[in-house]
Amino acid sequence: MARANRKTEAILAYLTQQEALERDPWIRDDLRISWITVLNASRGHSQPFVDASYQVLGIHPEKVWPAILARRKALLGPAGESHRTHKTPELPGLLLLKKPPKSVRSIPGRSSKTSTRK
């Protein structure tokens, strides 16, 4: 058990470091979700990724992409269907705009370049 705890701590430390160094707010969100997922898994949560997604994004992971597409369509109006669209056989009409990053929000006592997580 102690060995598993050391591995978990090492993974969490790595993710903390990467999040602190990451400039892209969307990747920071992904790293935050990863950090929470590892922590939840180490604590025996039955759905660690789902719980982490709700904590960071406030939505089930299976609903994230449809929500992004709906938001884009709402923001861009009728032009949103064709604006900045990448068409592939696998993903026809895929919009390239991104979700709004959660890591950009202000967190008291935490700068955007450092992490206070331990």
PDB file of N, CA and C in Angstrom:
ATOM      1  N   MET A   1       0.822  -1.205   0.000  1.00  0.00           N
ATOM      2  CA  MET A   1       0.000   0.000   0.000  1.00  0.00           C
ATOM      3  C   MET A   1       0.864   1.267   0.000  1.00  0.00           C
ATOM      4  N   ALA A   2       1.946   1.242   0.755  1.00  0.00           N
ATOM      5  CA  ALA A   2       2.827   2.414   0.821  1.00  0.00           C
ATOM      6  C   ALA A   2       3.441   2.709  -0.544  1.00  0.00           C
ATOM      7  N   ARG A   3       3.758   1.647  -1.290  1.00  0.00           N
ATOM      8  CA  ARG A   3       4.323   1.833  -2.627  1.00  0.00           C
ATOM      9  C   ARG A   3       3.315   2.508  -3.555  1.00  0.00           C
ATOM     10  N   ALA A   4       2.054   2.090  -3.462  1.00  0.00           N
ATOM     11  CA  ALA A   4       1.002   2.709  -4.270  1.00  0.00           C
ATOM     12  C   ALA A   4       0.838   4.177  -3.907  1.00  0.00           C
ATOM     13  N   ASN A   5       0.929   4.497  -2.632  1.00  0.00           N
ATOM     14  CA  ASN A   5       0.819   5.888  -2.206  1.00  0.00           C
ATOM     15  C   ASN A   5       1.963   6.733  -2.751  1.00  0.00           C
ATOM     16  N   ARG A   6       3.173   6.160  -2.778  1.00  0.00           N
ATOM     17  CA  ARG A   6       4.318   6.902  -3.328  1.00  0.00           C
ATOM     18  C   ARG A   6       4.144   7.147  -4.822  1.00  0.00           C
ATOM     19  N   LYS A   7       3.621   6.152  -5.522  1.00  0.00           N
ATOM     20  CA  LYS A   7       3.385   6.331  -6.960  1.00  0.00           C
ATOM     21  C   LYS A   7       2.321   7.396  -7.205  1.00  0.00           C
ATOM     22  N   THR A   8       1.255   7.334  -6.426  1.00  0.00           N
ATOM     23  CA  THR A   8       0.194   8.345  -6.550  1.00  0.00           C
ATOM     24  C   THR A   8       0.743   9.727  -6.266  1.00  0.00           C
ATOM     25  N   GLU A   9       1.527   9.850  -5.204  1.00  0.00           N
ATOM     26  CA  GLU A   9       2.111  11.146  -4.865  1.00  0.00           C
ATOM     27  C   GLU A   9       3.033  11.651  -5.974  1.00  0.00           C
ATOM     28  N   ALA A  10       3.786  10.741  -6.582  1.00  0.00           N
ATOM     29  CA  ALA A  10       4.681  11.135  -7.676  1.00  0.00           C
ATOM     30  C   ALA A  10       3.885  11.611  -8.891  1.00  0.00           C
ATOM     31  N   ILE A  11       2.813  10.917  -9.194  1.00  0.00           N
ATOM     32  CA  ILE A  11       1.966  11.317 -10.326  1.00  0.00           C
ATOM     33  C   ILE A  11       1.329  12.672 -10.041  1.00  0.00           C
ATOM     34  N   LEU A  12       0.799  12.858  -8.840  1.00  0.00           N
ATOM     35  CA  LEU A  12       0.175  14.134  -8.482  1.00  0.00           C
ATOM     36  C   LEU A  12       1.195  15.270  -8.519  1.00  0.00           C
ATOM     37  N   ALA A  13       2.413  15.010  -8.055  1.00  0.00           N
ATOM     38  CA  ALA A  13       3.462  16.035  -8.091  1.00  0.00           C
ATOM     39  C   ALA A  13       3.798  16.410  -9.528  1.00  0.00           C
ATOM     40  N   TYR A  14       3.889  15.413 -10.397  1.00  0.00           N
ATOM     41  CA  TYR A  14       4.178  15.672 -11.804  1.00  0.00           C
ATOM     42  C   TYR A  14       3.069  16.511 -12.440  1.00  0.00           C
ATOM     43  N   LEU A  15       1.815  16.117 -12.206  1.00  0.00           N
ATOM     44  CA  LEU A  15       0.691  16.867 -12.783  1.00  0.00           C
ATOM     45  C   LEU A  15       0.634  18.287 -12.232  1.00  0.00           C
ATOM     46  N   THR A  16       0.941  18.451 -10.948  1.00  0.00           N
ATOM     47  CA  THR A  16       0.976  19.788 -10.337  1.00  0.00           C
ATOM     48  C   THR A  16       2.026  20.656 -11.030  1.00  0.00           C
ATOM     49  N   GLN A  17       3.203  20.072 -11.244  1.00  0.00           N
ATOM     50  CA  GLN A  17       4.292  20.800 -11.900  1.00  0.00           C
ATOM     51  C   GLN A  17       3.910  21.186 -13.326  1.00  0.00           C
ATOM     52  N   GLN A  18       3.339  20.258 -14.058  1.00  0.00           N
ATOM     53  CA  GLN A  18       2.956  20.530 -15.441  1.00  0.00           C
ATOM     54  C   GLN A  18       1.865  21.600 -15.521  1.00  0.00           C
ATOM     55  N   GLU A  19       0.912  21.533 -14.599  1.00  0.00           N
ATOM     56  CA  GLU A  19      -0.160  22.546 -14.586  1.00  0.00           C
ATOM     57  C   GLU A  19       0.415  23.931 -14.299  1.00  0.00           C
ATOM     58  N   ALA A  20       1.356  24.003 -13.377  1.00  0.00           N
ATOM     59  CA  ALA A  20       1.957  25.292 -13.024  1.00  0.00           C
ATOM     60  C   ALA A  20       2.760  25.880 -14.188  1.00  0.00           C
ATOM     61  N   LEU A  21       3.344  25.018 -15.000  1.00  0.00           N
ATOM     62  CA  LEU A  21       4.163  25.486 -16.122  1.00  0.00           C
ATOM     63  C   LEU A  21       3.357  25.736 -17.400  1.00  0.00           C
ATOM     64  N   GLU A  22       2.179  25.171 -17.481  1.00  0.00           N
ATOM     65  CA  GLU A  22       1.385  25.228 -18.713  1.00  0.00           C
ATOM     66  C   GLU A  22       0.808  26.618 -18.944  1.00  0.00           C
ATOM     67  N   ARG A  23       0.978  27.126 -20.147  1.00  0.00           N
ATOM     68  CA  ARG A  23       0.461  28.449 -20.502  1.00  0.00           C
ATOM     69  C   ARG A  23      -0.931  28.375 -21.110  1.00  0.00           C
ATOM     70  N   ASP A  24      -1.242  27.261 -21.764  1.00  0.00           N
ATOM     71  CA  ASP A  24      -2.538  27.104 -22.429  1.00  0.00           C
ATOM     72  C   ASP A  24      -3.613  26.796 -21.384  1.00  0.00           C
ATOM     73  N   PRO A  25      -4.603  27.684 -21.221  1.00  0.00           N
ATOM     74  CA  PRO A  25      -5.613  27.470 -20.169  1.00  0.00           C
ATOM     75  C   PRO A  25      -6.448  26.208 -20.377  1.00  0.00           C
ATOM     76  N   TRP A  26      -6.625  25.777 -21.615  1.00  0.00           N
ATOM     77  CA  TRP A  26      -7.420  24.565 -21.865  1.00  0.00           C
ATOM     78  C   TRP A  26      -6.642  23.322 -21.438  1.00  0.00           C
ATOM     79  N   ILE A  27      -5.345  23.339 -21.693  1.00  0.00           N
ATOM     80  CA  ILE A  27      -4.524  22.212 -21.246  1.00  0.00           C
ATOM     81  C   ILE A  27      -4.425  22.221 -19.724  1.00  0.00           C
ATOM     82  N   ARG A  28      -4.371  23.407 -19.117  1.00  0.00           N
ATOM     83  CA  ARG A  28      -4.388  23.472 -17.648  1.00  0.00           C
ATOM     84  C   ARG A  28      -5.648  22.830 -17.093  1.00  0.00           C
ATOM     85  N   ASP A  29      -6.787  23.085 -17.730  1.00  0.00           N
ATOM     86  CA  ASP A  29      -8.030  22.424 -17.299  1.00  0.00           C
ATOM     87  C   ASP A  29      -7.906  20.910 -17.399  1.00  0.00           C
ATOM     88  N   ASP A  30      -7.331  20.437 -18.508  1.00  0.00           N
ATOM     89  CA  ASP A  30      -7.162  18.990 -18.683  1.00  0.00           C
ATOM     90  C   ASP A  30      -6.234  18.411 -17.622  1.00  0.00           C
ATOM     91  N   LEU A  31      -5.168  19.133 -17.297  1.00  0.00           N
ATOM     92  CA  LEU A  31      -4.253  18.676 -16.252  1.00  0.00           C
ATOM     93  C   LEU A  31      -4.934  18.685 -14.889  1.00  0.00           C
ATOM     94  N   ARG A  32      -5.776  19.678 -14.641  1.00  0.00           N
ATOM     95  CA  ARG A  32      -6.522  19.729 -13.373  1.00  0.00           C
ATOM     96  C   ARG A  32      -7.469  18.533 -13.275  1.00  0.00           C
ATOM     97  N   ILE A  33      -8.164  18.235 -14.365  1.00  0.00           N
ATOM     98  CA  ILE A  33      -9.058  17.075 -14.382  1.00  0.00           C
ATOM     99  C   ILE A  33      -8.251  15.805 -14.138  1.00  0.00           C
ATOM    100  N   SER A  34      -7.087  15.703 -14.749  1.00  0.00           N
ATOM    101  CA  SER A  34      -6.226  14.532 -14.546  1.00  0.00           C
ATOM    102  C   SER A  34      -5.796  14.413 -13.091  1.00  0.00           C
ATOM    103  N   TRP A  35      -5.402  15.526 -12.479  1.00  0.00           N
ATOM    104  CA  TRP A  35      -4.969  15.535 -11.084  1.00  0.00           C
ATOM    105  C   TRP A  35      -6.097  15.045 -10.180  1.00  0.00           C
ATOM    106  N   ILE A  36      -7.279  15.594 -10.364  1.00  0.00           N
ATOM    107  CA  ILE A  36      -8.422  15.202  -9.536  1.00  0.00           C
ATOM    108  C   ILE A  36      -8.795  13.742  -9.793  1.00  0.00           C
ATOM    109  N   THR A  37      -8.694  13.295 -11.050  1.00  0.00           N
ATOM    110  CA  THR A  37      -8.990  11.901 -11.380  1.00  0.00           C
ATOM    111  C   THR A  37      -8.053  10.956 -10.644  1.00  0.00           C
ATOM    112  N   VAL A  38      -6.754  11.253 -10.651  1.00  0.00           N
ATOM    113  CA  VAL A  38      -5.784  10.402  -9.955  1.00  0.00           C
ATOM    114  C   VAL A  38      -6.081  10.387  -8.459  1.00  0.00           C
ATOM    115  N   LEU A  39      -6.351  11.561  -7.895  1.00  0.00           N
ATOM    116  CA  LEU A  39      -6.666  11.630  -6.468  1.00  0.00           C
ATOM    117  C   LEU A  39      -7.923  10.825  -6.148  1.00  0.00           C
ATOM    118  N   ASN A  40      -8.978  11.005  -6.941  1.00  0.00           N
ATOM    119  CA  ASN A  40     -10.225  10.269  -6.712  1.00  0.00           C
ATOM    120  C   ASN A  40     -10.011   8.766  -6.840  1.00  0.00           C
ATOM    121  N   ALA A  41      -9.243   8.343  -7.830  1.00  0.00           N
ATOM    122  CA  ALA A  41      -8.971   6.911  -8.023  1.00  0.00           C
ATOM    123  C   ALA A  41      -8.213   6.354  -6.823  1.00  0.00           C
ATOM    124  N   SER A  42      -7.256   7.129  -6.315  1.00  0.00           N
ATOM    125  CA  SER A  42      -6.475   6.659  -5.161  1.00  0.00           C
ATOM    126  C   SER A  42      -7.339   6.544  -3.906  1.00  0.00           C
ATOM    127  N   ARG A  43      -8.425   7.279  -3.878  1.00  0.00           N
ATOM    128  CA  ARG A  43      -9.349   7.233  -2.738  1.00  0.00           C
ATOM    129  C   ARG A  43     -10.485   6.240  -2.948  1.00  0.00           C
ATOM    130  N   GLY A  44     -10.450   5.534  -4.068  1.00  0.00           N
ATOM    131  CA  GLY A  44     -11.424   4.480  -4.311  1.00  0.00           C
ATOM    132  C   GLY A  44     -12.757   4.925  -4.885  1.00  0.00           C
ATOM    133  N   HIS A  45     -12.821   6.108  -5.455  1.00  0.00           N
ATOM    134  CA  HIS A  45     -14.071   6.551  -6.083  1.00  0.00           C
ATOM    135  C   HIS A  45     -14.431   5.606  -7.223  1.00  0.00           C
ATOM    136  N   SER A  46     -15.693   5.334  -7.370  1.00  0.00           N
ATOM    137  CA  SER A  46     -16.114   4.396  -8.414  1.00  0.00           C
ATOM    138  C   SER A  46     -16.026   4.996  -9.817  1.00  0.00           C
ATOM    139  N   GLN A  47     -16.148   6.307  -9.945  1.00  0.00           N
ATOM    140  CA  GLN A  47     -16.064   6.982 -11.245  1.00  0.00           C
ATOM    141  C   GLN A  47     -15.166   8.213 -11.109  1.00  0.00           C
ATOM    142  N   PRO A  48     -13.870   8.007 -10.959  1.00  0.00           N
ATOM    143  CA  PRO A  48     -12.987   9.146 -10.678  1.00  0.00           C
ATOM    144  C   PRO A  48     -12.970  10.213 -11.768  1.00  0.00           C
ATOM    145  N   PHE A  49     -13.014   9.810 -13.043  1.00  0.00           N
ATOM    146  CA  PHE A  49     -12.980  10.789 -14.130  1.00  0.00           C
ATOM    147  C   PHE A  49     -14.280  11.577 -14.217  1.00  0.00           C
ATOM    148  N   VAL A  50     -15.397  10.901 -14.015  1.00  0.00           N
ATOM    149  CA  VAL A  50     -16.697  11.576 -14.049  1.00  0.00           C
ATOM    150  C   VAL A  50     -16.769  12.606 -12.926  1.00  0.00           C
ATOM    151  N   ASP A  51     -16.351  12.205 -11.726  1.00  0.00           N
ATOM    152  CA  ASP A  51     -16.354  13.138 -10.591  1.00  0.00           C
ATOM    153  C   ASP A  51     -15.460  14.342 -10.868  1.00  0.00           C
ATOM    154  N   ALA A  52     -14.277  14.103 -11.443  1.00  0.00           N
ATOM    155  CA  ALA A  52     -13.351  15.200 -11.750  1.00  0.00           C
ATOM    156  C   ALA A  52     -13.928  16.141 -12.802  1.00  0.00           C
ATOM    157  N   SER A  53     -14.588  15.574 -13.800  1.00  0.00           N
ATOM    158  CA  SER A  53     -15.196  16.396 -14.840  1.00  0.00           C
ATOM    159  C   SER A  53     -16.274  17.306 -14.258  1.00  0.00           C
ATOM    160  N   TYR A  54     -17.084  16.753 -13.366  1.00  0.00           N
ATOM    161  CA  TYR A  54     -18.105  17.580 -12.716  1.00  0.00           C
ATOM    162  C   TYR A  54     -17.460  18.680 -11.878  1.00  0.00           C
ATOM    163  N   GLN A  55     -16.365  18.354 -11.173  1.00  0.00           N
ATOM    164  CA  GLN A  55     -15.715  19.350 -10.328  1.00  0.00           C
ATOM    165  C   GLN A  55     -15.147  20.510 -11.138  1.00  0.00           C
ATOM    166  N   VAL A  56     -14.502  20.212 -12.246  1.00  0.00           N
ATOM    167  CA  VAL A  56     -13.826  21.259 -13.029  1.00  0.00           C
ATOM    168  C   VAL A  56     -14.771  21.924 -14.027  1.00  0.00           C
ATOM    169  N   LEU A  57     -15.537  21.113 -14.754  1.00  0.00           N
ATOM    170  CA  LEU A  57     -16.360  21.652 -15.836  1.00  0.00           C
ATOM    171  C   LEU A  57     -17.841  21.761 -15.490  1.00  0.00           C
ATOM    172  N   GLY A  58     -18.253  21.076 -14.430  1.00  0.00           N
ATOM    173  CA  GLY A  58     -19.659  21.128 -14.032  1.00  0.00           C
ATOM    174  C   GLY A  58     -20.576  20.327 -14.932  1.00  0.00           C
ATOM    175  N   ILE A  59     -20.021  19.339 -15.640  1.00  0.00           N
ATOM    176  CA  ILE A  59     -20.813  18.580 -16.593  1.00  0.00           C
ATOM    177  C   ILE A  59     -20.213  17.175 -16.737  1.00  0.00           C
ATOM    178  N   HIS A  60     -21.066  16.205 -17.087  1.00  0.00           N
ATOM    179  CA  HIS A  60     -20.608  14.831 -17.318  1.00  0.00           C
ATOM    180  C   HIS A  60     -19.681  14.827 -18.533  1.00  0.00           C
ATOM    181  N   PRO A  61     -18.595  14.032 -18.495  1.00  0.00           N
ATOM    182  CA  PRO A  61     -17.648  14.051 -19.607  1.00  0.00           C
ATOM    183  C   PRO A  61     -18.265  13.720 -20.967  1.00  0.00           C
ATOM    184  N   GLU A  62     -19.279  12.876 -20.999  1.00  0.00           N
ATOM    185  CA  GLU A  62     -19.918  12.545 -22.274  1.00  0.00           C
ATOM    186  C   GLU A  62     -20.728  13.708 -22.847  1.00  0.00           C
ATOM    187  N   LYS A  63     -21.018  14.689 -22.018  1.00  0.00           N
ATOM    188  CA  LYS A  63     -21.811  15.831 -22.467  1.00  0.00           C
ATOM    189  C   LYS A  63     -20.961  17.070 -22.756  1.00  0.00           C
ATOM    190  N   VAL A  64     -19.643  16.963 -22.520  1.00  0.00           N
ATOM    191  CA  VAL A  64     -18.775  18.130 -22.719  1.00  0.00           C
ATOM    192  C   VAL A  64     -18.764  18.562 -24.184  1.00  0.00           C
ATOM    193  N   TRP A  65     -18.460  17.642 -25.089  1.00  0.00           N
ATOM    194  CA  TRP A  65     -18.360  18.014 -26.508  1.00  0.00           C
ATOM    195  C   TRP A  65     -19.684  18.533 -27.066  1.00  0.00           C
ATOM    196  N   PRO A  66     -20.821  17.860 -26.822  1.00  0.00           N
ATOM    197  CA  PRO A  66     -22.088  18.429 -27.299  1.00  0.00           C
ATOM    198  C   PRO A  66     -22.362  19.826 -26.730  1.00  0.00           C
ATOM    199  N   ALA A  67     -21.965  20.053 -25.478  1.00  0.00           N
ATOM    200  CA  ALA A  67     -22.160  21.381 -24.881  1.00  0.00           C
ATOM    201  C   ALA A  67     -21.275  22.424 -25.566  1.00  0.00           C
ATOM    202  N   ILE A  68     -20.049  22.038 -25.910  1.00  0.00           N
ATOM    203  CA  ILE A  68     -19.144  22.952 -26.617  1.00  0.00           C
ATOM    204  C   ILE A  68     -19.747  23.322 -27.972  1.00  0.00           C
ATOM    205  N   LEU A  69     -20.225  22.316 -28.696  1.00  0.00           N
ATOM    206  CA  LEU A  69     -20.820  22.576 -30.011  1.00  0.00           C
ATOM    207  C   LEU A  69     -22.066  23.452 -29.903  1.00  0.00           C
ATOM    208  N   ALA A  70     -22.908  23.196 -28.906  1.00  0.00           N
ATOM    209  CA  ALA A  70     -24.119  24.007 -28.722  1.00  0.00           C
ATOM    210  C   ALA A  70     -23.755  25.448 -28.392  1.00  0.00           C
ATOM    211  N   ARG A  71     -22.737  25.641 -27.558  1.00  0.00           N
ATOM    212  CA  ARG A  71     -22.301  26.988 -27.196  1.00  0.00           C
ATOM    213  C   ARG A  71     -21.766  27.727 -28.417  1.00  0.00           C
ATOM    214  N   ARG A  72     -20.963  27.044 -29.218  1.00  0.00           N
ATOM    215  CA  ARG A  72     -20.429  27.661 -30.432  1.00  0.00           C
ATOM    216  C   ARG A  72     -21.541  28.091 -31.367  1.00  0.00           C
ATOM    217  N   LYS A  73     -22.508  27.197 -31.543  1.00  0.00           N
ATOM    218  CA  LYS A  73     -23.630  27.508 -32.440  1.00  0.00           C
ATOM    219  C   LYS A  73     -24.412  28.702 -31.909  1.00  0.00           C
ATOM    220  N   ALA A  74     -24.617  28.755 -30.594  1.00  0.00           N
ATOM    221  CA  ALA A  74     -25.353  29.873 -29.994  1.00  0.00           C
ATOM    222  C   ALA A  74     -24.582  31.185 -30.146  1.00  0.00           C
ATOM    223  N   LEU A  75     -23.263  31.128 -29.966  1.00  0.00           N
ATOM    224  CA  LEU A  75     -22.455  32.344 -30.073  1.00  0.00           C
ATOM    225  C   LEU A  75     -22.289  32.819 -31.505  1.00  0.00           C
ATOM    226  N   LEU A  76     -22.173  31.882 -32.435  1.00  0.00           N
ATOM    227  CA  LEU A  76     -21.892  32.240 -33.822  1.00  0.00           C
ATOM    228  C   LEU A  76     -23.139  32.336 -34.693  1.00  0.00           C
ATOM    229  N   GLY A  77     -24.285  31.907 -34.171  1.00  0.00           N
ATOM    230  CA  GLY A  77     -25.517  31.958 -34.941  1.00  0.00           C
ATOM    231  C   GLY A  77     -25.484  30.996 -36.109  1.00  0.00           C
ATOM    232  N   PRO A  78     -26.261  31.285 -37.153  1.00  0.00           N
ATOM    233  CA  PRO A  78     -26.313  30.385 -38.306  1.00  0.00           C
ATOM    234  C   PRO A  78     -24.947  30.154 -38.955  1.00  0.00           C
ATOM    235  N   ALA A  79     -24.080  31.146 -38.894  1.00  0.00           N
ATOM    236  CA  ALA A  79     -22.745  30.996 -39.478  1.00  0.00           C
ATOM    237  C   ALA A  79     -21.905  30.000 -38.694  1.00  0.00           C
ATOM    238  N   GLY A  80     -22.315  29.694 -37.464  1.00  0.00           N
ATOM    239  CA  GLY A  80     -21.569  28.780 -36.618  1.00  0.00           C
ATOM    240  C   GLY A  80     -21.465  27.384 -37.179  1.00  0.00           C
ATOM    241  N   GLU A  81     -22.379  27.025 -38.039  1.00  0.00           N
ATOM    242  CA  GLU A  81     -22.356  25.686 -38.627  1.00  0.00           C
ATOM    243  C   GLU A  81     -21.197  25.529 -39.603  1.00  0.00           C
ATOM    244  N   SER A  82     -20.804  26.625 -40.269  1.00  0.00           N
ATOM    245  CA  SER A  82     -19.734  26.502 -41.260  1.00  0.00           C
ATOM    246  C   SER A  82     -18.474  27.267 -40.876  1.00  0.00           C
ATOM    247  N   HIS A  83     -18.565  28.148 -39.874  1.00  0.00           N
ATOM    248  CA  HIS A  83     -17.423  28.973 -39.484  1.00  0.00           C
ATOM    249  C   HIS A  83     -16.303  28.117 -38.900  1.00  0.00           C
ATOM    250  N   ARG A  84     -15.096  28.290 -39.435  1.00  0.00           N
ATOM    251  CA  ARG A  84     -13.916  27.573 -38.953  1.00  0.00           C
ATOM    252  C   ARG A  84     -14.199  26.084 -38.778  1.00  0.00           C
ATOM    253  N   THR A  85     -14.713  25.494 -39.810  1.00  0.00           N
ATOM    254  CA  THR A  85     -15.097  24.088 -39.760  1.00  0.00           C
ATOM    255  C   THR A  85     -14.028  23.216 -40.414  1.00  0.00           C
ATOM    256  N   HIS A  86     -13.762  22.106 -39.784  1.00  0.00           N
ATOM    257  CA  HIS A  86     -12.815  21.127 -40.308  1.00  0.00           C
ATOM    258  C   HIS A  86     -13.614  19.873 -40.628  1.00  0.00           C
ATOM    259  N   LYS A  87     -13.657  19.499 -41.886  1.00  0.00           N
ATOM    260  CA  LYS A  87     -14.476  18.351 -42.280  1.00  0.00           C
ATOM    261  C   LYS A  87     -13.586  17.141 -42.540  1.00  0.00           C
ATOM    262  N   THR A  88     -13.880  16.078 -41.833  1.00  0.00           N
ATOM    263  CA  THR A  88     -13.204  14.806 -42.043  1.00  0.00           C
ATOM    264  C   THR A  88     -14.275  13.739 -42.125  1.00  0.00           C
ATOM    265  N   PRO A  89     -13.972  12.578 -42.706  1.00  0.00           N
ATOM    266  CA  PRO A  89     -14.981  11.510 -42.751  1.00  0.00           C
ATOM    267  C   PRO A  89     -15.422  11.083 -41.345  1.00  0.00           C
ATOM    268  N   GLU A  90     -14.478  11.120 -40.377  1.00  0.00           N
ATOM    269  CA  GLU A  90     -14.803  10.687 -39.024  1.00  0.00           C
ATOM    270  C   GLU A  90     -15.610  11.733 -38.252  1.00  0.00           C
ATOM    271  N   LEU A  91     -15.290  13.002 -38.489  1.00  0.00           N
ATOM    272  CA  LEU A  91     -15.911  14.090 -37.740  1.00  0.00           C
ATOM    273  C   LEU A  91     -16.394  15.168 -38.701  1.00  0.00           C
ATOM    274  N   PRO A  92     -17.464  14.924 -39.440  1.00  0.00           N
ATOM    275  CA  PRO A  92     -17.935  15.928 -40.401  1.00  0.00           C
ATOM    276  C   PRO A  92     -18.408  17.200 -39.695  1.00  0.00           C
ATOM    277  N   GLY A  93     -17.960  18.330 -40.204  1.00  0.00           N
ATOM    278  CA  GLY A  93     -18.411  19.608 -39.670  1.00  0.00           C
ATOM    279  C   GLY A  93     -17.885  19.929 -38.288  1.00  0.00           C
ATOM    280  N   LEU A  94     -16.729  19.412 -37.927  1.00  0.00           N
ATOM    281  CA  LEU A  94     -16.160  19.644 -36.606  1.00  0.00           C
ATOM    282  C   LEU A  94     -15.725  21.100 -36.477  1.00  0.00           C
ATOM    283  N   LEU A  95     -16.268  21.800 -35.501  1.00  0.00           N
ATOM    284  CA  LEU A  95     -15.882  23.189 -35.264  1.00  0.00           C
ATOM    285  C   LEU A  95     -14.586  23.223 -34.468  1.00  0.00           C
ATOM    286  N   LEU A  96     -13.702  24.142 -34.791  1.00  0.00           N
ATOM    287  CA  LEU A  96     -12.398  24.185 -34.160  1.00  0.00           C
ATOM    288  C   LEU A  96     -12.308  25.141 -32.971  1.00  0.00           C
ATOM    289  N   LEU A  97     -13.351  25.844 -32.646  1.00  0.00           N
ATOM    290  CA  LEU A  97     -13.322  26.720 -31.481  1.00  0.00           C
ATOM    291  C   LEU A  97     -13.269  25.873 -30.219  1.00  0.00           C
ATOM    292  N   LYS A  98     -12.774  26.441 -29.127  1.00  0.00           N
ATOM    293  CA  LYS A  98     -12.561  25.670 -27.907  1.00  0.00           C
ATOM    294  C   LYS A  98     -13.548  26.043 -26.809  1.00  0.00           C
ATOM    295  N   LYS A  99     -13.602  25.183 -25.785  1.00  0.00           N
ATOM    296  CA  LYS A  99     -14.421  25.441 -24.607  1.00  0.00           C
ATOM    297  C   LYS A  99     -13.812  26.603 -23.829  1.00  0.00           C
ATOM    298  N   PRO A 100     -14.609  27.338 -23.062  1.00  0.00           N
ATOM    299  CA  PRO A 100     -14.019  28.396 -22.244  1.00  0.00           C
ATOM    300  C   PRO A 100     -13.225  27.754 -21.112  1.00  0.00           C
ATOM    301  N   PRO A 101     -11.974  28.163 -20.903  1.00  0.00           N
ATOM    302  CA  PRO A 101     -11.160  27.535 -19.866  1.00  0.00           C
ATOM    303  C   PRO A 101     -11.645  27.904 -18.477  1.00  0.00           C
ATOM    304  N   LYS A 102     -11.658  26.953 -17.585  1.00  0.00           N
ATOM    305  CA  LYS A 102     -12.046  27.211 -16.201  1.00  0.00           C
ATOM    306  C   LYS A 102     -10.859  27.714 -15.397  1.00  0.00           C
ATOM    307  N   SER A 103      -9.640  27.367 -15.829  1.00  0.00           N
ATOM    308  CA  SER A 103      -8.458  27.729 -15.062  1.00  0.00           C
ATOM    309  C   SER A 103      -8.137  29.218 -15.145  1.00  0.00           C
ATOM    310  N   VAL A 104      -8.819  29.959 -15.995  1.00  0.00           N
ATOM    311  CA  VAL A 104      -8.574  31.382 -16.120  1.00  0.00           C
ATOM    312  C   VAL A 104      -9.251  32.153 -14.996  1.00  0.00           C
ATOM    313  N   ARG A 105     -10.285  31.559 -14.414  1.00  0.00           N
ATOM    314  CA  ARG A 105     -11.004  32.254 -13.348  1.00  0.00           C
ATOM    315  C   ARG A 105     -10.072  32.548 -12.182  1.00  0.00           C
ATOM    316  N   SER A 106     -10.404  33.536 -11.428  1.00  0.00           N
ATOM    317  CA  SER A 106      -9.574  33.951 -10.306  1.00  0.00           C
ATOM    318  C   SER A 106      -9.823  33.040  -9.113  1.00  0.00           C
ATOM    319  N   ILE A 107      -8.737  32.522  -8.564  1.00  0.00           N
ATOM    320  CA  ILE A 107      -8.828  31.702  -7.363  1.00  0.00           C
ATOM    321  C   ILE A 107      -8.055  32.439  -6.280  1.00  0.00           C
ATOM    322  N   PRO A 108      -8.727  32.818  -5.179  1.00  0.00           N
ATOM    323  CA  PRO A 108      -8.032  33.572  -4.133  1.00  0.00           C
ATOM    324  C   PRO A 108      -6.794  32.826  -3.642  1.00  0.00           C
ATOM    325  N   GLY A 109      -5.706  33.572  -3.486  1.00  0.00           N
ATOM    326  CA  GLY A 109      -4.480  32.994  -2.955  1.00  0.00           C
ATOM    327  C   GLY A 109      -3.701  32.148  -3.935  1.00  0.00           C
ATOM    328  N   ARG A 110      -4.076  32.176  -5.199  1.00  0.00           N
ATOM    329  CA  ARG A 110      -3.383  31.344  -6.195  1.00  0.00           C
ATOM    330  C   ARG A 110      -3.109  32.182  -7.435  1.00  0.00           C
ATOM    331  N   SER A 111      -1.854  32.297  -7.792  1.00  0.00           N
ATOM    332  CA  SER A 111      -1.531  33.009  -9.026  1.00  0.00           C
ATOM    333  C   SER A 111      -1.690  32.066 -10.192  1.00  0.00           C
ATOM    334  N   SER A 112      -1.751  32.606 -11.388  1.00  0.00           N
ATOM    335  CA  SER A 112      -1.958  31.767 -12.581  1.00  0.00           C
ATOM    336  C   SER A 112      -0.703  30.974 -12.947  1.00  0.00           C
ATOM    337  N   LYS A 113       0.458  31.319 -12.377  1.00  0.00           N
ATOM    338  CA  LYS A 113       1.696  30.630 -12.738  1.00  0.00           C
ATOM    339  C   LYS A 113       2.163  29.621 -11.702  1.00  0.00           C
ATOM    340  N   THR A 114       1.536  29.623 -10.533  1.00  0.00           N
ATOM    341  CA  THR A 114       1.965  28.680  -9.503  1.00  0.00           C
ATOM    342  C   THR A 114       0.776  27.957  -8.951  1.00  0.00           C
ATOM    343  N   SER A 115       1.049  26.829  -8.372  1.00  0.00           N
ATOM    344  CA  SER A 115      -0.019  26.013  -7.783  1.00  0.00           C
ATOM    345  C   SER A 115       0.234  25.898  -6.288  1.00  0.00           C
ATOM    346  N   THR A 116      -0.829  25.989  -5.497  1.00  0.00           N
ATOM    347  CA  THR A 116      -0.694  25.855  -4.048  1.00  0.00           C
ATOM    348  C   THR A 116      -1.094  24.471  -3.588  1.00  0.00           C
ATOM    349  N   ARG A 117      -1.428  23.588  -4.533  1.00  0.00           N
ATOM    350  CA  ARG A 117      -1.825  22.228  -4.199  1.00  0.00           C
ATOM    351  C   ARG A 117      -0.647  21.470  -3.623  1.00  0.00           C
ATOM    352  N   LYS A 118      -0.899  20.625  -2.656  1.00  0.00           N
ATOM    353  CA  LYS A 118       0.151  19.787  -2.076  1.00  0.00           C
ATOM    354  C   LYS A 118      -0.207  18.349  -2.203  1.00  0.00           C
TER     355      LYS A 118
END
